[in-house]
PDB file of all heavy atoms in Angstrom:
ATOM      1  N   LYS A   1    -118.144 -73.238 -30.917  1.00  0.00           N
ATOM      2  CA  LYS A   1    -116.900 -72.485 -30.716  1.00  0.00           C
ATOM      3  C   LYS A   1    -115.945 -72.711 -31.877  1.00  0.00           C
ATOM      4  O   LYS A   1    -115.315 -71.774 -32.389  1.00  0.00           O
ATOM      5  CB  LYS A   1    -116.243 -72.922 -29.410  1.00  0.00           C
ATOM      6  CG  LYS A   1    -114.983 -72.137 -29.060  1.00  0.00           C
ATOM      7  CD  LYS A   1    -115.304 -70.694 -28.728  1.00  0.00           C
ATOM      8  CE  LYS A   1    -114.075 -69.943 -28.284  1.00  0.00           C
ATOM      9  NZ  LYS A   1    -114.373 -68.513 -28.005  1.00  0.00           N
ATOM     10  N   TYR A   2    -115.829 -73.955 -32.328  1.00  0.00           N
ATOM     11  CA  TYR A   2    -114.961 -74.272 -33.459  1.00  0.00           C
ATOM     12  C   TYR A   2    -115.439 -73.555 -34.719  1.00  0.00           C
ATOM     13  O   TYR A   2    -114.633 -72.990 -35.474  1.00  0.00           O
ATOM     14  CB  TYR A   2    -114.948 -75.787 -33.682  1.00  0.00           C
ATOM     15  CG  TYR A   2    -114.212 -76.205 -34.937  1.00  0.00           C
ATOM     16  CD1 TYR A   2    -112.827 -76.290 -34.970  1.00  0.00           C
ATOM     17  CD2 TYR A   2    -114.920 -76.505 -36.104  1.00  0.00           C
ATOM     18  CE1 TYR A   2    -112.162 -76.651 -36.124  1.00  0.00           C
ATOM     19  CE2 TYR A   2    -114.267 -76.873 -37.258  1.00  0.00           C
ATOM     20  CZ  TYR A   2    -112.883 -76.949 -37.265  1.00  0.00           C
ATOM     21  OH  TYR A   2    -112.236 -77.306 -38.413  1.00  0.00           O
ATOM     22  N   LEU A   3    -116.734 -73.560 -34.949  1.00  0.00           N
ATOM     23  CA  LEU A   3    -117.282 -72.884 -36.128  1.00  0.00           C
ATOM     24  C   LEU A   3    -117.085 -71.374 -36.047  1.00  0.00           C
ATOM     25  O   LEU A   3    -116.825 -70.717 -37.053  1.00  0.00           O
ATOM     26  CB  LEU A   3    -118.763 -73.223 -36.275  1.00  0.00           C
ATOM     27  CG  LEU A   3    -119.077 -74.683 -36.624  1.00  0.00           C
ATOM     28  CD1 LEU A   3    -120.577 -74.932 -36.555  1.00  0.00           C
ATOM     29  CD2 LEU A   3    -118.547 -75.028 -38.011  1.00  0.00           C
ATOM     30  N   TYR A   4    -117.202 -70.830 -34.827  1.00  0.00           N
ATOM     31  CA  TYR A   4    -116.997 -69.389 -34.645  1.00  0.00           C
ATOM     32  C   TYR A   4    -115.567 -69.019 -35.028  1.00  0.00           C
ATOM     33  O   TYR A   4    -115.324 -68.044 -35.745  1.00  0.00           O
ATOM     34  CB  TYR A   4    -117.278 -69.023 -33.192  1.00  0.00           C
ATOM     35  CG  TYR A   4    -117.184 -67.542 -32.892  1.00  0.00           C
ATOM     36  CD1 TYR A   4    -118.281 -66.713 -33.046  1.00  0.00           C
ATOM     37  CD2 TYR A   4    -115.991 -66.977 -32.438  1.00  0.00           C
ATOM     38  CE1 TYR A   4    -118.210 -65.353 -32.764  1.00  0.00           C
ATOM     39  CE2 TYR A   4    -115.901 -65.620 -32.158  1.00  0.00           C
ATOM     40  CZ  TYR A   4    -117.013 -64.815 -32.318  1.00  0.00           C
ATOM     41  OH  TYR A   4    -116.913 -63.478 -32.047  1.00  0.00           O
ATOM     42  N   ILE A   5    -114.612 -69.799 -34.564  1.00  0.00           N
ATOM     43  CA  ILE A   5    -113.207 -69.540 -34.900  1.00  0.00           C
ATOM     44  C   ILE A   5    -112.968 -69.705 -36.389  1.00  0.00           C
ATOM     45  O   ILE A   5    -112.194 -68.961 -37.004  1.00  0.00           O
ATOM     46  CB  ILE A   5    -112.291 -70.485 -34.086  1.00  0.00           C
ATOM     47  CG1 ILE A   5    -112.401 -70.170 -32.593  1.00  0.00           C
ATOM     48  CG2 ILE A   5    -110.836 -70.366 -34.547  1.00  0.00           C
ATOM     49  CD1 ILE A   5    -111.682 -71.161 -31.702  1.00  0.00           C
ATOM     50  N   SER A   6    -113.667 -70.669 -37.004  1.00  0.00           N
ATOM     51  CA  SER A   6    -113.460 -70.932 -38.432  1.00  0.00           C
ATOM     52  C   SER A   6    -113.875 -69.741 -39.294  1.00  0.00           C
ATOM     53  O   SER A   6    -113.335 -69.548 -40.387  1.00  0.00           O
ATOM     54  CB  SER A   6    -114.231 -72.185 -38.856  1.00  0.00           C
ATOM     55  OG  SER A   6    -115.632 -71.956 -38.880  1.00  0.00           O
ATOM     56  N   LEU A   7    -114.831 -68.917 -38.820  1.00  0.00           N
ATOM     57  CA  LEU A   7    -115.225 -67.728 -39.567  1.00  0.00           C
ATOM     58  C   LEU A   7    -114.041 -66.767 -39.707  1.00  0.00           C
ATOM     59  O   LEU A   7    -113.817 -66.177 -40.768  1.00  0.00           O
ATOM     60  CB  LEU A   7    -116.392 -67.022 -38.873  1.00  0.00           C
ATOM     61  CG  LEU A   7    -117.710 -67.790 -38.787  1.00  0.00           C
ATOM     62  CD1 LEU A   7    -118.736 -66.968 -38.016  1.00  0.00           C
ATOM     63  CD2 LEU A   7    -118.236 -68.113 -40.181  1.00  0.00           C
ATOM     64  N   TYR A   8    -113.287 -66.616 -38.622  1.00  0.00           N
ATOM     65  CA  TYR A   8    -112.101 -65.759 -38.665  1.00  0.00           C
ATOM     66  C   TYR A   8    -111.035 -66.383 -39.569  1.00  0.00           C
ATOM     67  O   TYR A   8    -110.336 -65.682 -40.300  1.00  0.00           O
ATOM     68  CB  TYR A   8    -111.569 -65.552 -37.254  1.00  0.00           C
ATOM     69  CG  TYR A   8    -110.357 -64.665 -37.185  1.00  0.00           C
ATOM     70  CD1 TYR A   8    -110.310 -63.458 -37.880  1.00  0.00           C
ATOM     71  CD2 TYR A   8    -109.252 -65.014 -36.408  1.00  0.00           C
ATOM     72  CE1 TYR A   8    -109.203 -62.629 -37.815  1.00  0.00           C
ATOM     73  CE2 TYR A   8    -108.150 -64.189 -36.333  1.00  0.00           C
ATOM     74  CZ  TYR A   8    -108.126 -63.003 -37.037  1.00  0.00           C
ATOM     75  OH  TYR A   8    -107.017 -62.195 -36.979  1.00  0.00           O
ATOM     76  N   ARG A   9    -110.933 -67.699 -39.530  1.00  0.00           N
ATOM     77  CA  ARG A   9    -109.941 -68.367 -40.392  1.00  0.00           C
ATOM     78  C   ARG A   9    -110.270 -68.139 -41.870  1.00  0.00           C
ATOM     79  O   ARG A   9    -109.361 -67.968 -42.701  1.00  0.00           O
ATOM     80  CB  ARG A   9    -109.899 -69.876 -40.095  1.00  0.00           C
ATOM     81  CG  ARG A   9    -109.478 -70.234 -38.680  1.00  0.00           C
ATOM     82  CD  ARG A   9    -108.149 -69.645 -38.302  1.00  0.00           C
ATOM     83  NE  ARG A   9    -107.761 -69.995 -36.955  1.00  0.00           N
ATOM     84  CZ  ARG A   9    -106.917 -69.302 -36.215  1.00  0.00           C
ATOM     85  NH1 ARG A   9    -106.382 -68.168 -36.694  1.00  0.00           N
ATOM     86  NH2 ARG A   9    -106.610 -69.696 -34.995  1.00  0.00           N
ATOM     87  N   LEU A  10    -111.549 -68.129 -42.212  1.00  0.00           N
ATOM     88  CA  LEU A  10    -111.933 -67.863 -43.604  1.00  0.00           C
ATOM     89  C   LEU A  10    -111.521 -66.448 -44.020  1.00  0.00           C
ATOM     90  O   LEU A  10    -111.083 -66.226 -45.153  1.00  0.00           O
ATOM     91  CB  LEU A  10    -113.441 -68.042 -43.770  1.00  0.00           C
ATOM     92  CG  LEU A  10    -113.965 -69.476 -43.683  1.00  0.00           C
ATOM     93  CD1 LEU A  10    -115.493 -69.488 -43.717  1.00  0.00           C
ATOM     94  CD2 LEU A  10    -113.407 -70.323 -44.822  1.00  0.00           C
ATOM     95  N   HIS A  11    -111.658 -65.494 -43.094  1.00  0.00           N
ATOM     96  CA  HIS A  11    -111.210 -64.128 -43.371  1.00  0.00           C
ATOM     97  C   HIS A  11    -109.698 -64.104 -43.565  1.00  0.00           C
ATOM     98  O   HIS A  11    -109.192 -63.457 -44.496  1.00  0.00           O
ATOM     99  CB  HIS A  11    -111.612 -63.226 -42.216  1.00  0.00           C
ATOM    100  CG  HIS A  11    -111.118 -61.815 -42.330  1.00  0.00           C
ATOM    101  ND1 HIS A  11    -111.462 -60.985 -43.381  1.00  0.00           N
ATOM    102  CD2 HIS A  11    -110.275 -61.089 -41.543  1.00  0.00           C
ATOM    103  CE1 HIS A  11    -110.875 -59.809 -43.223  1.00  0.00           C
ATOM    104  NE2 HIS A  11    -110.150 -59.853 -42.123  1.00  0.00           N
ATOM    105  N   GLN A  12    -108.970 -64.824 -42.722  1.00  0.00           N
ATOM    106  CA  GLN A  12    -107.515 -64.867 -42.856  1.00  0.00           C
ATOM    107  C   GLN A  12    -107.102 -65.526 -44.167  1.00  0.00           C
ATOM    108  O   GLN A  12    -106.151 -65.076 -44.828  1.00  0.00           O
ATOM    109  CB  GLN A  12    -106.905 -65.629 -41.675  1.00  0.00           C
ATOM    110  CG  GLN A  12    -106.994 -64.882 -40.356  1.00  0.00           C
ATOM    111  CD  GLN A  12    -106.395 -65.680 -39.220  1.00  0.00           C
ATOM    112  OE1 GLN A  12    -106.766 -66.825 -38.972  1.00  0.00           O
ATOM    113  NE2 GLN A  12    -105.443 -65.083 -38.523  1.00  0.00           N
ATOM    114  N   ILE A  13    -107.808 -66.574 -44.561  1.00  0.00           N
ATOM    115  CA  ILE A  13    -107.488 -67.248 -45.831  1.00  0.00           C
ATOM    116  C   ILE A  13    -107.695 -66.305 -47.002  1.00  0.00           C
ATOM    117  O   ILE A  13    -106.908 -66.271 -47.946  1.00  0.00           O
ATOM    118  CB  ILE A  13    -108.341 -68.522 -45.985  1.00  0.00           C
ATOM    119  CG1 ILE A  13    -107.874 -69.591 -44.982  1.00  0.00           C
ATOM    120  CG2 ILE A  13    -108.272 -69.067 -47.406  1.00  0.00           C
ATOM    121  CD1 ILE A  13    -108.803 -70.772 -44.867  1.00  0.00           C
ATOM    122  N   ALA A  14    -108.765 -65.502 -46.952  1.00  0.00           N
ATOM    123  CA  ALA A  14    -109.022 -64.536 -48.020  1.00  0.00           C
ATOM    124  C   ALA A  14    -107.905 -63.513 -48.131  1.00  0.00           C
ATOM    125  O   ALA A  14    -107.615 -63.002 -49.216  1.00  0.00           O
ATOM    126  CB  ALA A  14    -110.358 -63.833 -47.776  1.00  0.00           C
ATOM    127  N   LEU A  15    -107.242 -63.216 -47.013  1.00  0.00           N
ATOM    128  CA  LEU A  15    -106.179 -62.223 -47.005  1.00  0.00           C
ATOM    129  C   LEU A  15    -104.796 -62.817 -47.254  1.00  0.00           C
ATOM    130  O   LEU A  15    -103.967 -62.211 -47.942  1.00  0.00           O
ATOM    131  CB  LEU A  15    -106.162 -61.475 -45.667  1.00  0.00           C
ATOM    132  CG  LEU A  15    -107.408 -60.665 -45.308  1.00  0.00           C
ATOM    133  CD1 LEU A  15    -107.228 -60.021 -43.942  1.00  0.00           C
ATOM    134  CD2 LEU A  15    -107.696 -59.609 -46.364  1.00  0.00           C
ATOM    135  N   HIS A  16    -104.549 -63.995 -46.688  1.00  0.00           N
ATOM    136  CA  HIS A  16    -103.187 -64.537 -46.695  1.00  0.00           C
ATOM    137  C   HIS A  16    -103.014 -65.826 -47.495  1.00  0.00           C
ATOM    138  O   HIS A  16    -101.870 -66.213 -47.772  1.00  0.00           O
ATOM    139  CB  HIS A  16    -102.730 -64.819 -45.259  1.00  0.00           C
ATOM    140  CG  HIS A  16    -102.862 -63.656 -44.330  1.00  0.00           C
ATOM    141  ND1 HIS A  16    -102.209 -62.465 -44.515  1.00  0.00           N
ATOM    142  CD2 HIS A  16    -103.593 -63.512 -43.187  1.00  0.00           C
ATOM    143  CE1 HIS A  16    -102.508 -61.628 -43.527  1.00  0.00           C
ATOM    144  NE2 HIS A  16    -103.355 -62.236 -42.722  1.00  0.00           N
ATOM    145  N   GLY A  17    -104.109 -66.490 -47.838  1.00  0.00           N
ATOM    146  CA  GLY A  17    -104.000 -67.787 -48.479  1.00  0.00           C
ATOM    147  C   GLY A  17    -103.919 -68.898 -47.440  1.00  0.00           C
ATOM    148  O   GLY A  17    -103.747 -68.658 -46.240  1.00  0.00           O
ATOM    149  N   TYR A  18    -104.031 -70.126 -47.885  1.00  0.00           N
ATOM    150  CA  TYR A  18    -104.099 -71.282 -46.978  1.00  0.00           C
ATOM    151  C   TYR A  18    -102.783 -71.515 -46.235  1.00  0.00           C
ATOM    152  O   TYR A  18    -102.776 -71.747 -45.017  1.00  0.00           O
ATOM    153  CB  TYR A  18    -104.478 -72.542 -47.765  1.00  0.00           C
ATOM    154  CG  TYR A  18    -105.933 -72.571 -48.190  1.00  0.00           C
ATOM    155  CD1 TYR A  18    -106.304 -72.146 -49.456  1.00  0.00           C
ATOM    156  CD2 TYR A  18    -106.926 -73.016 -47.326  1.00  0.00           C
ATOM    157  CE1 TYR A  18    -107.643 -72.159 -49.853  1.00  0.00           C
ATOM    158  CE2 TYR A  18    -108.258 -73.046 -47.705  1.00  0.00           C
ATOM    159  CZ  TYR A  18    -108.611 -72.612 -48.967  1.00  0.00           C
ATOM    160  OH  TYR A  18    -109.930 -72.620 -49.339  1.00  0.00           O
ATOM    161  N   ILE A  19    -101.669 -71.457 -46.941  1.00  0.00           N
ATOM    162  CA  ILE A  19    -100.388 -71.784 -46.307  1.00  0.00           C
ATOM    163  C   ILE A  19    -100.033 -70.769 -45.224  1.00  0.00           C
ATOM    164  O   ILE A  19     -99.691 -71.132 -44.095  1.00  0.00           O
ATOM    165  CB  ILE A  19     -99.267 -71.863 -47.368  1.00  0.00           C
ATOM    166  CG1 ILE A  19     -99.525 -73.031 -48.320  1.00  0.00           C
ATOM    167  CG2 ILE A  19     -97.903 -72.021 -46.695  1.00  0.00           C
ATOM    168  CD1 ILE A  19     -98.519 -73.135 -49.455  1.00  0.00           C
ATOM    169  N   ASN A  20    -100.118 -69.491 -45.560  1.00  0.00           N
ATOM    170  CA  ASN A  20     -99.772 -68.463 -44.578  1.00  0.00           C
ATOM    171  C   ASN A  20    -100.738 -68.452 -43.401  1.00  0.00           C
ATOM    172  O   ASN A  20    -100.347 -68.149 -42.271  1.00  0.00           O
ATOM    173  CB  ASN A  20     -99.727 -67.088 -45.242  1.00  0.00           C
ATOM    174  CG  ASN A  20     -98.524 -66.916 -46.132  1.00  0.00           C
ATOM    175  OD1 ASN A  20     -97.511 -67.605 -45.965  1.00  0.00           O
ATOM    176  ND2 ASN A  20     -98.605 -66.005 -47.084  1.00  0.00           N
ATOM    177  N   THR A  21    -102.006 -68.761 -43.649  1.00  0.00           N
ATOM    178  CA  THR A  21    -102.958 -68.841 -42.542  1.00  0.00           C
ATOM    179  C   THR A  21    -102.603 -69.995 -41.613  1.00  0.00           C
ATOM    180  O   THR A  21    -102.682 -69.867 -40.380  1.00  0.00           O
ATOM    181  CB  THR A  21    -104.390 -69.014 -43.076  1.00  0.00           C
ATOM    182  OG1 THR A  21    -104.745 -67.860 -43.846  1.00  0.00           O
ATOM    183  CG2 THR A  21    -105.388 -69.169 -41.929  1.00  0.00           C
ATOM    184  N   ALA A  22    -102.191 -71.129 -42.188  1.00  0.00           N
ATOM    185  CA  ALA A  22    -101.768 -72.268 -41.365  1.00  0.00           C
ATOM    186  C   ALA A  22    -100.553 -71.891 -40.516  1.00  0.00           C
ATOM    187  O   ALA A  22    -100.482 -72.231 -39.322  1.00  0.00           O
ATOM    188  CB  ALA A  22    -101.438 -73.461 -42.258  1.00  0.00           C
ATOM    189  N   LEU A  23     -99.605 -71.162 -41.109  1.00  0.00           N
ATOM    190  CA  LEU A  23     -98.434 -70.712 -40.355  1.00  0.00           C
ATOM    191  C   LEU A  23     -98.842 -69.748 -39.242  1.00  0.00           C
ATOM    192  O   LEU A  23     -98.296 -69.792 -38.133  1.00  0.00           O
ATOM    193  CB  LEU A  23     -97.427 -70.052 -41.293  1.00  0.00           C
ATOM    194  CG  LEU A  23     -96.768 -70.967 -42.337  1.00  0.00           C
ATOM    195  CD1 LEU A  23     -95.908 -70.146 -43.297  1.00  0.00           C
ATOM    196  CD2 LEU A  23     -95.910 -72.031 -41.643  1.00  0.00           C
ATOM    197  N   THR A  24     -99.790 -68.877 -39.551  1.00  0.00           N
ATOM    198  CA  THR A  24    -100.286 -67.941 -38.546  1.00  0.00           C
ATOM    199  C   THR A  24    -100.923 -68.681 -37.372  1.00  0.00           C
ATOM    200  O   THR A  24    -100.760 -68.290 -36.208  1.00  0.00           O
ATOM    201  CB  THR A  24    -101.316 -66.982 -39.176  1.00  0.00           C
ATOM    202  OG1 THR A  24    -100.698 -66.251 -40.235  1.00  0.00           O
ATOM    203  CG2 THR A  24    -101.868 -66.013 -38.144  1.00  0.00           C
ATOM    204  N   MET A  25    -101.646 -69.747 -37.664  1.00  0.00           N
ATOM    205  CA  MET A  25    -102.264 -70.543 -36.604  1.00  0.00           C
ATOM    206  C   MET A  25    -101.205 -71.178 -35.712  1.00  0.00           C
ATOM    207  O   MET A  25    -101.356 -71.213 -34.483  1.00  0.00           O
ATOM    208  CB  MET A  25    -103.164 -71.616 -37.224  1.00  0.00           C
ATOM    209  CG  MET A  25    -104.399 -71.062 -37.917  1.00  0.00           C
ATOM    210  SD  MET A  25    -105.303 -72.313 -38.871  1.00  0.00           S
ATOM    211  CE  MET A  25    -105.754 -73.478 -37.585  1.00  0.00           C
ATOM    212  N   ILE A  26    -100.122 -71.655 -36.313  1.00  0.00           N
ATOM    213  CA  ILE A  26     -99.043 -72.273 -35.530  1.00  0.00           C
ATOM    214  C   ILE A  26     -98.383 -71.231 -34.626  1.00  0.00           C
ATOM    215  O   ILE A  26     -98.151 -71.467 -33.436  1.00  0.00           O
ATOM    216  CB  ILE A  26     -97.999 -72.903 -36.474  1.00  0.00           C
ATOM    217  CG1 ILE A  26     -98.620 -74.086 -37.225  1.00  0.00           C
ATOM    218  CG2 ILE A  26     -96.763 -73.357 -35.688  1.00  0.00           C
ATOM    219  CD1 ILE A  26     -97.740 -74.652 -38.320  1.00  0.00           C
ATOM    220  N   VAL A  27     -98.098 -70.058 -35.199  1.00  0.00           N
ATOM    221  CA  VAL A  27     -97.508 -68.971 -34.406  1.00  0.00           C
ATOM    222  C   VAL A  27     -98.451 -68.558 -33.283  1.00  0.00           C
ATOM    223  O   VAL A  27     -98.022 -68.287 -32.152  1.00  0.00           O
ATOM    224  CB  VAL A  27     -97.183 -67.761 -35.310  1.00  0.00           C
ATOM    225  CG1 VAL A  27     -96.769 -66.560 -34.470  1.00  0.00           C
ATOM    226  CG2 VAL A  27     -96.084 -68.118 -36.297  1.00  0.00           C
ATOM    227  N   GLY A  28     -99.746 -68.528 -33.572  1.00  0.00           N
ATOM    228  CA  GLY A  28    -100.725 -68.167 -32.553  1.00  0.00           C
ATOM    229  C   GLY A  28    -100.716 -69.143 -31.385  1.00  0.00           C
ATOM    230  O   GLY A  28    -100.827 -68.732 -30.221  1.00  0.00           O
ATOM    231  N   ARG A  29    -100.595 -70.419 -31.679  1.00  0.00           N
ATOM    232  CA  ARG A  29    -100.535 -71.418 -30.611  1.00  0.00           C
ATOM    233  C   ARG A  29     -99.298 -71.229 -29.738  1.00  0.00           C
ATOM    234  O   ARG A  29     -99.347 -71.362 -28.503  1.00  0.00           O
ATOM    235  CB  ARG A  29    -100.545 -72.830 -31.210  1.00  0.00           C
ATOM    236  CG  ARG A  29    -101.894 -73.263 -31.760  1.00  0.00           C
ATOM    237  CD  ARG A  29    -101.857 -74.678 -32.274  1.00  0.00           C
ATOM    238  NE  ARG A  29    -103.169 -75.126 -32.710  1.00  0.00           N
ATOM    239  CZ  ARG A  29    -104.088 -75.664 -31.911  1.00  0.00           C
ATOM    240  NH1 ARG A  29    -103.819 -75.805 -30.621  1.00  0.00           N
ATOM    241  NH2 ARG A  29    -105.250 -76.057 -32.382  1.00  0.00           N
ATOM    242  N   ILE A  30     -98.165 -70.914 -30.378  1.00  0.00           N
ATOM    243  CA  ILE A  30     -96.933 -70.660 -29.621  1.00  0.00           C
ATOM    244  C   ILE A  30     -97.093 -69.420 -28.750  1.00  0.00           C
ATOM    245  O   ILE A  30     -96.707 -69.410 -27.575  1.00  0.00           O
ATOM    246  CB  ILE A  30     -95.738 -70.493 -30.592  1.00  0.00           C
ATOM    247  CG1 ILE A  30     -95.478 -71.807 -31.346  1.00  0.00           C
ATOM    248  CG2 ILE A  30     -94.490 -70.047 -29.831  1.00  0.00           C
ATOM    249  CD1 ILE A  30     -94.462 -71.683 -32.449  1.00  0.00           C
ATOM    250  N   ASN A  31     -97.665 -68.376 -29.327  1.00  0.00           N
ATOM    251  CA  ASN A  31     -97.847 -67.134 -28.575  1.00  0.00           C
ATOM    252  C   ASN A  31     -98.748 -67.326 -27.359  1.00  0.00           C
ATOM    253  O   ASN A  31     -98.553 -66.674 -26.327  1.00  0.00           O
ATOM    254  CB  ASN A  31     -98.425 -66.050 -29.478  1.00  0.00           C
ATOM    255  CG  ASN A  31     -97.385 -65.415 -30.368  1.00  0.00           C
ATOM    256  OD1 ASN A  31     -96.196 -65.439 -30.065  1.00  0.00           O
ATOM    257  ND2 ASN A  31     -97.819 -64.838 -31.479  1.00  0.00           N
TER     258      ASN A  31
END
């Protein structure tokens, strides 16, 4: 499950970079 989610994170990193993806993850947890 963790690896499955990480595939999407790699796509997000390609689009937003590491910092913005980390921020997106934090916002996602709040949401």
